[in-house]
Each structure stands twice: as C-alpha cells, then as structure tokens.
Amino acid sequence: MIKLLGFAPDLDPTTPGILQSVTNALPTTRGMIGAPTPVNTIWLLDGASRGCATIETLAAGTKTYAGQGNYLFELNGAGLNLVGAGYATGTGRIVFTSFGNAVLVCNGSDGVGLAASTGGYFSPISGAPKARIVESVGLFVLAFGTTYGSTTSPDGWHSCALGDYTNWTPSAATQAANGRLLDSAGEITAARRINDGIIAYKKRSMYYGQYVGGDVIWQWSQVATNVGCVGQDAVVNAGGVHYFVGADDLYTFDGSYPRSIGGNIKRWFFKDADPERLKNVIAVHDRNDDHVWFWYSSKTAASGFFDTAIVYNMLTGAWGRVSLVVQDVMTHQAGTDTLSVVIAESPYHRVKTLSGTCAAASMQTFDIGDDDQYSRLSKVRLRFIDNPISATVTHSHKTSLGDAYTTGATDTLSDNKVNFSQSSRWHKLKIDTVGDFELSGLNVSESVQNGVK
C-alpha cells in the first residue's frame, strides 16, 4: 500500500503518496478525511462582520462577540445582544482580547480608543490609546500600532499599568509604558503572546518583548531580521507555538527561531493567493484535530470574501485544502469549540459552525509510471478506514511527464476497488467522494508492457 502524504503541489509529481490537487480533504495521522461543512446557528448579522471571536474569561466563562457596521454584539443562546457602538467605523478590523473577567476591544486608529466590558456594554477606557492590535500577557494588556494623543506610531506599542487595564498613562511607578520598535523598517503587523512574553511582528522582522520591571519595564529584542507576518490575524498561537504566514513562506515559531513549514506548498500558495489581500489572512487552531487553518482570498475570490483554506496538520506536517466562500472567520476559538465562519446569505450574514457531514471531496494522486516503460494500469484498491457514501475514480494518462494528461475512463468504487485497462507511460487518478470518509492509502496494480522507449 502507498500511504497518502497530503497535499504537496510543490514536490516532484512522481513522489509516491503525495496529492497534487485536493478539494475539501484534511490530513490526519492516518491519511486524509473529508472536510466538515457549514451548519446554521441562530446568529444573523445585518451586514458584513468586521471581526468576531470566542473569548475565555476568568470567571464569566466563554463569550462570543461580533462587530458589524457601527456595532458590537454579544452572541448568546437568545441571539444577538447589542453591547457597543462606534467601534467598527471606517476600515479598522475589530480585535479582541481578555484580561481576567474583562474583554477588551480595538478597531484601529480610525475608531475610538480601547474599550472594555466586564459583562454587558463596552465602555471606552479613559486615557487609553487607539490601536490596531491588542493582546494580553500575564498582568498586562499591550496595544500596537497606536495613536496616543496627536501622535500616530504604526511601529508603536503601549502597555497598561501592572494589573490594571484601565490605566495607560506611562509611569515607572505603575509600570505603564510605551515605545517604538525601530530596529527594522515598517509597521507592526501582528502580535501574539508566547509563554510569558509576546512576539510583535512586522512584515519582515520579529521582536520578542518581555516584562523586566524597573525603569526599563518592557525589554524588546529582535529575533528575526528577514521573517515576519503579513497581517494581524495571519498568526495563531496553537499549543504555545505560533503558526503564521510570512511574506514568502509559512512558518512556525516555538520561541527559538522561525522554522519553515511551507516546503510542500508555498510556491503554489503564493501563486494562488491574491497578493493585495494577503494581509487579510486569518489563521485559526482546531484543537479537536490538531489542525491550523489559514483562510485566504484567491485571485478569483470576490471582494470582501475568503474562498480557500489551506490546513496544516501539527502532528504530521501534511497539508489539506478546503474550498468554501466565507465572509469572516471566528478567531480565539475557546477550548474545544467547533470552528465557526460567517457566510453571506442575502440579505443577512449568518454565523455557521464547521460541523456538518462532508458533502463532496476530491483528490488527485501523484504521477504513476516510468519515463521509459509503458505499463497497463488495471486495478486500484483504496484503503478506506471509514468508507464514504460513494466514490468514483477517474483515470488519466500521458506519454511524457511534461505533457498534459488525457482524461480516460471513470469507474465507481465497488468492494473498495476500481478497474481500468489503459496502457501508457504515466497515469494519474482523481478520487471523488461523497460523505464523510478517512482514506489512508491505495494499492495500484500495473503490469509492464513489452518494449522500452
């Protein structure tokens, strides 16, 4: 049996086990499974979401919020509860974090300053900066890309007082502080907590910030000079490790140095993704399946929408791909909550969980054959750990590896096998499934034909 190794369009197409094309299939430790489909919730927004998140608080449990138009809503069992206004104006994306029982929100320097809620309505924090990014670390909340008074600093940061998110006036006595990251060019694009510190990203650099107290308060050191993150939601903390999209690769960072995880896929990804919208990538962690999803807009996606997710398995390093048009993606998934997305349903936008049965999936195998010998492909047996409702396999063939494939016969799966009779130097299979499944590999029966060319 040839074990499936996941979506790897950048590798040699003759590498046994790789998949050259994938639609709606995700990698597992055993092979590939069908991707879940959206299931309706009761939550309907009147317009496009400007940011939504599920947040865990210290004593108030899990809370879910969404920004739409000029408003903030809490999403609960009764529906939508208005909890704020004026925090989603202009182009600023709403970003959430928690500090004890408080939830803090910002939406960029085009809006008002930071606001907070300990239950109920959000209120502006007097004296707090405006910010594009907000993140809590230990006994502090940090804001990045700030406007403080009349000074706007795209590379600036502020921290609240020690243990007091309501006090942002710089003072050694309270340990509230501010500063700028000037060792490399550009604005701060993202920030995420890691261990007891925080990583502030620029497009092509990374800084580690750590609370040291005294007159210094926060100490910053540059940990990468040629690797950064493209956008504020393009990095996710998954199990204490960052996974993120850089300007020319995909990376993981465990606190030592960023490591590439995009070797099998990065050329394909950056060719498929719209470069003008790469900054809008949203990364989320599915704790249930050890997956990291990177949602992005391809070059053909409609304005304001994501249409593709590439999905990384944290245990195996293999990739999958999902094709689904969504308007927004829920971040900060709490505990083992099911992933959620926002999908446009005229005239509304509905929050949906990704918890439904796989509708249809497709996978194209590696190139099977030899440059010199002709072979006759006669039988293919698929090793399903969980069988789909139905499946078909389409055979394609070509004489030279550099030629385009000619589509041949299609056979319906029966007894987990399909039969063909085609002689050629190179063969490829397209597997189409309906319903949930898990496929670990395949056995291919081929016989060498007489003659070497």
Protein backbone atom coordinates (compact mmCIF):
# COMPACT_ATOMS: atom_id res chain seq x y z
CA MET A 1 0.00 0.00 0.00
CA ILE A 2 1.13 3.54 -0.77
CA LYS A 3 0.35 5.81 2.19
CA LEU A 4 -1.16 9.22 1.42
CA LEU A 5 1.13 12.10 2.40
CA GLY A 6 -1.22 15.06 1.96
CA PHE A 7 -1.45 17.97 -0.45
CA ALA A 8 2.06 18.67 -1.78
CA PRO A 9 1.84 20.55 -5.10
CA ASP A 10 5.43 21.84 -4.85
CA LEU A 11 7.05 18.40 -4.71
CA ASP A 12 8.14 16.21 -7.62
CA PRO A 13 4.82 14.94 -9.03
CA THR A 14 6.17 11.38 -9.12
CA THR A 15 6.71 11.30 -5.33
CA PRO A 16 4.70 8.28 -4.14
CA GLY A 17 1.82 9.19 -1.83
CA ILE A 18 1.56 12.92 -2.45
CA LEU A 19 -1.64 14.53 -3.64
CA GLN A 20 -1.24 17.08 -6.45
CA SER A 21 -4.70 18.56 -6.03
CA VAL A 22 -7.08 18.50 -3.05
CA THR A 23 -10.55 19.91 -2.51
CA ASN A 24 -12.27 19.57 0.87
CA ALA A 25 -9.95 16.99 2.41
CA LEU A 26 -7.79 17.32 5.54
CA PRO A 27 -4.67 15.43 6.67
CA THR A 28 -4.70 13.12 9.70
CA THR A 29 -2.06 10.89 11.25
CA ARG A 30 -3.58 8.04 9.23
CA GLY A 31 -4.28 9.69 5.86
CA MET A 32 -6.99 12.10 4.70
CA ILE A 33 -10.52 12.83 5.93
CA GLY A 34 -13.40 14.74 4.40
CA ALA A 35 -13.68 18.39 5.44
CA PRO A 36 -16.73 19.42 7.50
CA THR A 37 -19.47 21.57 6.02
CA PRO A 38 -21.22 24.65 7.50
CA VAL A 39 -24.19 24.19 9.84
CA ASN A 40 -26.54 27.09 10.66
CA THR A 41 -26.58 28.83 14.03
CA ILE A 42 -29.26 31.26 15.21
CA TRP A 43 -26.89 34.22 14.82
CA LEU A 44 -27.69 36.55 11.92
CA LEU A 45 -25.93 39.86 11.24
CA ASP A 46 -27.49 42.61 9.16
CA GLY A 47 -24.22 43.18 7.31
CA ALA A 48 -20.64 42.04 6.95
CA SER A 49 -18.71 41.04 10.06
CA ARG A 50 -15.74 43.27 10.88
CA GLY A 51 -14.23 40.77 13.31
CA CYS A 52 -15.63 38.03 15.52
CA ALA A 53 -14.15 35.98 18.33
CA THR A 54 -14.87 33.47 21.05
CA ILE A 55 -13.15 34.61 24.25
CA GLU A 56 -12.50 32.80 27.54
CA THR A 57 -12.74 34.95 30.67
CA LEU A 58 -11.57 34.15 34.19
CA ALA A 59 -14.92 33.66 35.90
CA ALA A 60 -17.59 34.60 33.37
CA GLY A 61 -16.91 31.64 31.09
CA THR A 62 -16.80 31.74 27.32
CA LYS A 63 -18.19 34.73 25.46
CA THR A 64 -18.67 35.22 21.72
CA TYR A 65 -18.64 38.63 20.04
CA ALA A 66 -19.01 40.06 16.55
CA GLY A 67 -18.59 43.52 15.12
CA GLN A 68 -20.94 44.59 12.35
CA GLY A 69 -21.17 48.06 10.88
CA ASN A 70 -21.03 50.53 13.74
CA TYR A 71 -21.99 47.98 16.41
CA LEU A 72 -20.68 45.28 18.70
CA PHE A 73 -22.86 42.29 19.52
CA GLU A 74 -22.58 39.51 22.05
CA LEU A 75 -23.74 36.23 20.55
CA ASN A 76 -25.55 34.08 23.10
CA GLY A 77 -28.29 31.48 23.36
CA ALA A 78 -31.00 34.10 22.87
CA GLY A 79 -29.46 35.57 19.71
CA LEU A 80 -27.67 38.93 19.40
CA ASN A 81 -27.30 41.36 22.26
CA LEU A 82 -26.10 44.89 21.43
CA VAL A 83 -23.10 45.65 23.66
CA GLY A 84 -21.36 48.54 21.91
CA ALA A 85 -21.49 51.19 19.22
CA GLY A 86 -18.88 53.26 17.44
CA TYR A 87 -16.18 50.60 17.49
CA ALA A 88 -16.39 49.42 13.88
CA THR A 89 -16.30 52.61 11.87
CA GLY A 90 -14.06 53.11 8.88
CA THR A 91 -11.79 50.28 7.79
CA GLY A 92 -10.45 49.12 11.15
CA ARG A 93 -10.88 45.42 11.88
CA ILE A 94 -12.12 44.62 15.37
CA VAL A 95 -9.63 42.76 17.56
CA PHE A 96 -10.47 41.19 20.93
CA THR A 97 -8.52 40.02 23.96
CA SER A 98 -9.36 39.14 27.56
CA PHE A 99 -7.84 40.21 30.88
CA GLY A 100 -9.32 38.45 33.88
CA ASN A 101 -13.07 38.93 33.56
CA ALA A 102 -12.72 41.89 31.21
CA VAL A 103 -12.89 41.69 27.42
CA LEU A 104 -11.03 44.47 25.59
CA VAL A 105 -11.57 45.55 22.01
CA CYS A 106 -9.89 47.84 19.49
CA ASN A 107 -10.52 48.58 15.84
CA GLY A 108 -7.61 50.64 14.59
CA SER A 109 -6.69 54.30 14.76
CA ASP A 110 -9.71 55.22 12.61
CA GLY A 111 -12.02 54.45 15.55
CA VAL A 112 -12.13 55.32 19.22
CA GLY A 113 -9.63 54.22 21.86
CA LEU A 114 -9.65 50.87 23.60
CA ALA A 115 -12.92 49.80 25.18
CA ALA A 116 -13.68 47.12 27.74
CA SER A 117 -16.56 45.12 29.17
CA THR A 118 -16.82 43.01 32.32
CA GLY A 119 -20.31 41.95 31.30
CA GLY A 120 -22.78 43.94 29.27
CA TYR A 121 -21.99 47.15 27.41
CA PHE A 122 -18.47 48.08 26.32
CA SER A 123 -17.19 51.40 27.64
CA PRO A 124 -14.21 53.44 26.41
CA ILE A 125 -11.12 53.26 28.64
CA SER A 126 -10.22 56.82 29.56
CA GLY A 127 -6.67 57.72 28.57
CA ALA A 128 -6.09 54.55 26.56
CA PRO A 129 -4.53 54.75 23.10
CA LYS A 130 -6.23 53.91 19.86
CA ALA A 131 -4.75 50.72 18.43
CA ARG A 132 -4.90 48.23 15.60
CA ILE A 133 -3.86 45.27 17.75
CA VAL A 134 -4.45 44.37 21.40
CA GLU A 135 -3.11 41.33 23.27
CA SER A 136 -2.91 40.35 26.95
CA VAL A 137 0.26 38.95 28.50
CA GLY A 138 0.41 38.00 32.18
CA LEU A 139 -0.62 41.03 34.24
CA PHE A 140 -0.56 43.39 31.27
CA VAL A 141 -2.52 44.32 28.18
CA LEU A 142 -0.41 45.54 25.25
CA ALA A 143 -1.59 47.63 22.31
CA PHE A 144 0.25 48.01 18.99
CA GLY A 145 0.02 50.32 16.01
CA THR A 146 -1.10 53.08 18.31
CA THR A 147 -2.35 56.63 18.25
CA TYR A 148 -1.80 58.42 21.57
CA GLY A 149 -2.99 61.99 21.73
CA SER A 150 -1.98 63.53 18.41
CA THR A 151 0.89 61.08 17.78
CA THR A 152 0.32 58.10 15.50
CA SER A 153 3.01 55.40 15.59
CA PRO A 154 2.43 52.43 13.27
CA ASP A 155 5.53 50.88 14.87
CA GLY A 156 4.50 51.91 18.40
CA TRP A 157 3.42 49.92 21.43
CA HIS A 158 1.78 50.71 24.75
CA SER A 159 1.28 48.63 27.87
CA CYS A 160 -1.19 49.25 30.64
CA ALA A 161 -0.21 49.53 34.28
CA LEU A 162 0.73 46.37 36.14
CA GLY A 163 -2.52 44.52 36.80
CA ASP A 164 -4.68 47.48 35.76
CA TYR A 165 -6.04 47.56 32.21
CA THR A 166 -7.78 50.87 32.92
CA ASN A 167 -4.53 52.83 33.44
CA TRP A 168 -2.41 53.62 30.35
CA THR A 169 -0.50 56.73 31.49
CA PRO A 170 3.23 55.92 31.21
CA SER A 171 4.81 55.80 34.65
CA ALA A 172 7.62 53.80 36.25
CA ALA A 173 5.58 53.75 39.43
CA THR A 174 2.66 51.91 37.81
CA GLN A 175 4.79 50.14 35.16
CA ALA A 176 2.61 51.51 32.33
CA ALA A 177 4.91 52.16 29.38
CA ASN A 178 5.14 52.90 25.69
CA GLY A 179 7.75 52.92 22.94
CA ARG A 180 8.54 52.15 19.32
CA LEU A 181 10.24 49.23 17.56
CA LEU A 182 12.75 50.96 15.30
CA ASP A 183 15.44 48.35 14.59
CA SER A 184 13.71 47.39 11.34
CA ALA A 185 11.51 49.21 8.86
CA GLY A 186 7.76 49.09 8.67
CA GLU A 187 4.67 48.99 10.84
CA ILE A 188 3.77 46.36 13.40
CA THR A 189 1.54 43.90 11.56
CA ALA A 190 0.65 41.40 14.30
CA ALA A 191 1.30 40.44 17.91
CA ARG A 192 0.73 37.23 19.87
CA ARG A 193 1.60 36.07 23.35
CA ILE A 194 4.20 33.30 23.63
CA ASN A 195 4.98 31.76 27.03
CA ASP A 196 5.46 34.70 29.45
CA GLY A 197 6.31 37.20 26.71
CA ILE A 198 4.99 38.44 23.39
CA ILE A 199 6.10 38.46 19.76
CA ALA A 200 5.50 41.66 17.80
CA TYR A 201 5.67 41.09 14.07
CA LYS A 202 6.50 43.38 11.20
CA LYS A 203 6.24 42.21 7.61
CA ARG A 204 9.85 41.02 7.56
CA SER A 205 11.02 41.05 11.18
CA MET A 206 10.08 39.77 14.64
CA TYR A 207 10.60 41.16 18.15
CA TYR A 208 10.37 39.39 21.48
CA GLY A 209 9.01 41.51 24.31
CA GLN A 210 9.40 40.55 27.97
CA TYR A 211 8.42 42.32 31.17
CA VAL A 212 11.57 43.01 33.20
CA GLY A 213 10.29 45.71 35.56
CA GLY A 214 12.30 48.58 36.98
CA ASP A 215 12.82 51.62 34.79
CA VAL A 216 13.07 49.52 31.61
CA ILE A 217 9.68 47.84 32.23
CA TRP A 218 9.46 46.07 28.82
CA GLN A 219 12.59 44.82 27.09
CA TRP A 220 12.49 44.13 23.34
CA SER A 221 14.97 42.09 21.27
CA GLN A 222 14.85 41.36 17.57
CA VAL A 223 14.66 37.60 16.97
CA ALA A 224 14.40 37.58 13.16
CA THR A 225 15.58 40.08 10.57
CA ASN A 226 14.13 38.51 7.43
CA VAL A 227 10.97 36.76 8.63
CA GLY A 228 7.72 38.41 9.67
CA CYS A 229 3.95 38.14 9.42
CA VAL A 230 1.67 39.63 6.77
CA GLY A 231 -1.32 40.59 8.94
CA GLN A 232 -2.80 40.81 12.42
CA ASP A 233 -4.89 37.64 12.10
CA ALA A 234 -2.36 35.69 10.00
CA VAL A 235 -0.75 34.23 13.14
CA VAL A 236 -2.27 31.92 15.71
CA ASN A 237 -0.93 30.59 19.00
CA ALA A 238 -1.55 26.85 18.96
CA GLY A 239 -0.34 24.93 21.99
CA GLY A 240 2.21 27.63 22.85
CA VAL A 241 3.65 27.68 19.31
CA HIS A 242 2.99 30.34 16.67
CA TYR A 243 1.90 29.36 13.16
CA PHE A 244 1.88 32.20 10.66
CA VAL A 245 2.02 33.39 7.07
CA GLY A 246 5.09 35.38 6.14
CA ALA A 247 5.76 37.45 3.06
CA ASP A 248 7.22 34.50 1.14
CA ASP A 249 6.71 31.34 3.24
CA LEU A 250 4.66 29.76 6.02
CA TYR A 251 6.29 29.34 9.42
CA THR A 252 6.14 28.01 12.94
CA PHE A 253 7.85 29.65 15.92
CA ASP A 254 8.34 27.96 19.29
CA GLY A 255 10.36 30.70 20.97
CA SER A 256 13.74 29.89 19.43
CA TYR A 257 13.73 30.78 15.73
CA PRO A 258 11.08 30.70 12.98
CA ARG A 259 11.03 27.44 11.01
CA SER A 260 9.53 26.97 7.54
CA ILE A 261 6.55 24.62 7.24
CA GLY A 262 5.70 25.60 3.66
CA GLY A 263 8.19 23.49 1.70
CA ASN A 264 5.49 21.29 0.13
CA ILE A 265 3.08 24.10 -0.69
CA LYS A 266 4.48 27.65 -0.58
CA ARG A 267 5.09 28.19 -4.32
CA TRP A 268 1.56 27.02 -5.09
CA PHE A 269 0.09 29.07 -2.24
CA PHE A 270 1.67 32.39 -3.16
CA LYS A 271 0.72 31.85 -6.79
CA ASP A 272 -2.91 31.13 -5.85
CA ALA A 273 -3.38 33.83 -3.18
CA ASP A 274 -4.26 37.40 -4.09
CA PRO A 275 -1.14 39.39 -3.07
CA GLU A 276 -3.20 42.53 -2.41
CA ARG A 277 -5.32 40.67 0.16
CA LEU A 278 -2.63 38.53 1.74
CA LYS A 279 -2.64 40.83 4.78
CA ASN A 280 -6.22 39.69 5.49
CA VAL A 281 -5.31 36.02 6.05
CA ILE A 282 -6.98 34.55 9.15
CA ALA A 283 -5.28 31.67 10.98
CA VAL A 284 -7.27 29.55 13.45
CA HIS A 285 -6.44 26.48 15.52
CA ASP A 286 -8.75 23.46 15.56
CA ARG A 287 -7.84 21.81 18.86
CA ASN A 288 -10.05 18.81 18.16
CA ASP A 289 -7.98 17.62 15.18
CA ASP A 290 -4.59 19.32 15.67
CA HIS A 291 -5.14 21.42 12.56
CA VAL A 292 -4.19 25.00 11.78
CA TRP A 293 -6.41 26.61 9.14
CA PHE A 294 -5.16 29.52 7.03
CA TRP A 295 -8.11 31.23 5.33
CA TYR A 296 -7.25 33.46 2.37
CA SER A 297 -8.65 35.10 -0.75
CA SER A 298 -7.50 33.58 -4.02
CA LYS A 299 -7.04 35.76 -7.08
CA THR A 300 -10.57 34.84 -8.20
CA ALA A 301 -12.32 35.48 -4.85
CA ALA A 302 -14.97 38.20 -4.77
CA SER A 303 -14.08 41.39 -2.95
CA GLY A 304 -14.58 41.07 0.81
CA PHE A 305 -14.59 37.26 0.84
CA PHE A 306 -12.29 34.36 1.56
CA ASP A 307 -12.70 31.34 -0.69
CA THR A 308 -9.93 28.92 0.32
CA ALA A 309 -8.26 27.48 3.39
CA ILE A 310 -5.05 25.50 3.46
CA VAL A 311 -4.97 23.25 6.51
CA TYR A 312 -1.80 22.12 8.29
CA ASN A 313 -1.59 19.05 10.49
CA MET A 314 0.55 19.97 13.51
CA LEU A 315 1.50 16.33 14.18
CA THR A 316 2.47 15.15 10.68
CA GLY A 317 3.37 18.34 8.80
CA ALA A 318 0.99 17.36 6.00
CA TRP A 319 -1.41 19.77 4.26
CA GLY A 320 -5.02 19.74 3.07
CA ARG A 321 -7.21 22.24 1.30
CA VAL A 322 -10.81 23.45 1.66
CA SER A 323 -12.82 25.40 -0.89
CA LEU A 324 -15.60 27.42 0.76
CA VAL A 325 -16.69 31.05 0.34
CA VAL A 326 -16.86 32.78 3.73
CA GLN A 327 -17.05 36.44 4.69
CA ASP A 328 -15.30 36.15 8.07
CA VAL A 329 -13.79 33.55 10.39
CA MET A 330 -14.25 33.27 14.15
CA THR A 331 -10.90 33.68 15.96
CA HIS A 332 -9.79 32.81 19.52
CA GLN A 333 -11.75 29.57 19.47
CA ALA A 334 -12.14 28.66 23.13
CA GLY A 335 -11.42 25.19 24.49
CA THR A 336 -12.61 22.52 22.06
CA ASP A 337 -15.25 24.67 20.39
CA THR A 338 -16.08 23.80 16.79
CA LEU A 339 -14.63 26.21 14.24
CA SER A 340 -17.09 28.84 13.02
CA VAL A 341 -17.34 31.10 9.99
CA VAL A 342 -19.61 33.89 8.74
CA ILE A 343 -21.31 33.26 5.40
CA ALA A 344 -23.31 35.77 3.36
CA GLU A 345 -26.97 34.80 2.92
CA SER A 346 -28.67 37.78 1.34
CA PRO A 347 -29.79 39.98 2.95
CA TYR A 348 -28.03 38.68 6.09
CA HIS A 349 -24.71 37.23 7.16
CA ARG A 350 -25.06 34.06 9.23
CA VAL A 351 -22.59 32.53 11.69
CA LYS A 352 -22.17 28.82 10.94
CA THR A 353 -20.21 26.07 12.65
CA LEU A 354 -18.00 23.79 10.59
CA SER A 355 -19.59 20.65 11.96
CA GLY A 356 -21.60 19.14 9.11
CA THR A 357 -21.01 15.95 7.14
CA CYS A 358 -18.55 16.27 4.27
CA ALA A 359 -20.56 16.94 1.13
CA ALA A 360 -18.05 16.24 -1.63
CA ALA A 361 -14.26 15.93 -1.71
CA SER A 362 -11.71 15.41 -4.45
CA MET A 363 -8.05 14.33 -4.53
CA GLN A 364 -5.62 13.83 -7.42
CA THR A 365 -2.79 11.39 -6.87
CA PHE A 366 0.88 11.52 -7.71
CA ASP A 367 2.05 10.55 -11.23
CA ILE A 368 2.33 6.77 -11.50
CA GLY A 369 4.70 5.31 -14.08
CA ASP A 370 8.15 5.47 -15.66
CA ASP A 371 9.94 7.60 -18.25
CA ASP A 372 11.00 4.53 -20.28
CA GLN A 373 8.47 1.77 -19.80
CA TYR A 374 4.83 1.52 -20.77
CA SER A 375 2.57 -0.03 -18.16
CA ARG A 376 -1.04 -1.13 -18.12
CA LEU A 377 -2.97 0.12 -15.11
CA SER A 378 -5.65 -2.46 -14.38
CA LYS A 379 -6.88 -2.16 -10.79
CA VAL A 380 -6.78 0.36 -7.96
CA ARG A 381 -7.81 -0.55 -4.43
CA LEU A 382 -8.46 2.28 -1.98
CA ARG A 383 -7.82 1.63 1.69
CA PHE A 384 -10.66 3.43 3.45
CA ILE A 385 -10.57 3.36 7.24
CA ASP A 386 -14.07 4.89 7.09
CA ASN A 387 -15.99 4.37 3.87
CA PRO A 388 -17.71 7.30 2.13
CA ILE A 389 -21.30 7.13 0.97
CA SER A 390 -19.99 6.74 -2.57
CA ALA A 391 -16.82 7.30 -4.56
CA THR A 392 -15.62 7.34 -8.15
CA VAL A 393 -12.11 7.25 -9.59
CA THR A 394 -11.16 8.82 -12.92
CA HIS A 395 -8.04 7.65 -14.75
CA SER A 396 -5.85 9.98 -16.82
CA HIS A 397 -2.78 9.12 -18.87
CA LYS A 398 0.08 10.63 -20.89
CA THR A 399 3.22 9.53 -22.68
CA SER A 400 5.71 12.14 -21.46
CA LEU A 401 5.88 13.53 -17.94
CA GLY A 402 5.87 17.07 -19.32
CA ASP A 403 2.71 16.54 -21.42
CA ALA A 404 -0.84 17.38 -20.42
CA TYR A 405 -2.93 14.48 -19.21
CA THR A 406 -5.68 12.95 -21.31
CA THR A 407 -8.76 12.11 -19.27
CA GLY A 408 -9.78 8.49 -19.58
CA ALA A 409 -12.40 6.24 -18.00
CA THR A 410 -14.28 6.73 -14.72
CA ASP A 411 -15.26 3.80 -12.54
CA THR A 412 -17.48 3.67 -9.45
CA LEU A 413 -15.94 2.22 -6.31
CA SER A 414 -17.13 -1.32 -5.55
CA ASP A 415 -15.58 -3.54 -2.90
CA ASN A 416 -13.19 -0.59 -2.35
CA LYS A 417 -11.67 -1.06 -5.80
CA VAL A 418 -11.99 0.23 -9.37
CA ASN A 419 -10.88 -1.38 -12.63
CA PHE A 420 -9.24 0.12 -15.71
CA SER A 421 -7.38 -1.07 -18.78
CA GLN A 422 -5.12 1.64 -20.10
CA SER A 423 -1.55 1.40 -21.32
CA SER A 424 0.71 4.44 -21.04
CA ARG A 425 3.97 5.62 -19.51
CA TRP A 426 2.25 7.81 -16.93
CA HIS A 427 -1.02 7.50 -15.06
CA LYS A 428 -2.89 9.70 -12.57
CA LEU A 429 -6.07 9.11 -10.56
CA LYS A 430 -8.75 11.55 -9.46
CA ILE A 431 -10.72 10.31 -6.45
CA ASP A 432 -14.14 11.91 -5.88
CA THR A 433 -16.07 11.09 -2.71
CA VAL A 434 -19.46 11.89 -1.18
CA GLY A 435 -19.93 11.87 2.59
CA ASP A 436 -17.51 11.55 5.50
CA PHE A 437 -14.51 9.28 4.98
CA GLU A 438 -10.97 8.53 6.03
CA LEU A 439 -8.59 7.26 3.36
CA SER A 440 -5.13 6.04 4.35
CA GLY A 441 -3.68 4.89 1.03
CA LEU A 442 -4.05 2.96 -2.18
CA ASN A 443 -2.73 -0.10 -3.99
CA VAL A 444 -2.16 0.19 -7.73
CA SER A 445 -1.95 -2.86 -9.97
CA GLU A 446 0.03 -2.20 -13.13
CA SER A 447 1.89 -4.50 -15.48
CA VAL A 448 4.93 -3.52 -17.54
CA GLN A 449 4.32 -3.74 -21.30
CA ASN A 450 6.83 -5.12 -23.74
CA GLY A 451 9.43 -2.73 -25.09
CA VAL A 452 11.38 0.15 -23.65
CA LYS A 453 11.26 3.56 -25.31
